[in-house]
Each structure stands twice: as structure tokens, then as C-alpha cells.
Amino acid sequence: MKLYFEAFAQPAATTKESDVAEVVWQAANDTSERLRFAAGADAVALAKDHRSEFA
């Protein structure tokens, strides 16, 4: 059980401030009807099942 929780202590994929800034810029300048933007490797991984929403 301890190993299970250790994985949460050091996640492999995290979001950096620069990731968020880049995606905010993309969203502000996007002219499509897209509503969702994943920012950072962890968000992209979580959105994997909903790829069409974050394309």
C-alpha cells in the first residue's frame, strides 16, 4: 500500500507555469469554436480519454 501512495508524492507529469501561460495565450488567440484547452503534461494525460474535447 505504501508504494501506491509514493507514486502520488512524485508525479511524473506536472504542469508548469509556462505551460499554463502558453495555453492561455493559445486560447485567447484561438478563432475556432474550441472551448477546452489542456495545459501541461498531467492535464493532457487526464484528457486522453476525452481527446476530441481537447484537440
Foldseek 3Di string as FASTA:
>chain_A
DVVVVVCVVDPPWDFDPVQVVVQVVCVVPDPDPQDDAQGTPVSCVVCVVVVVNHD
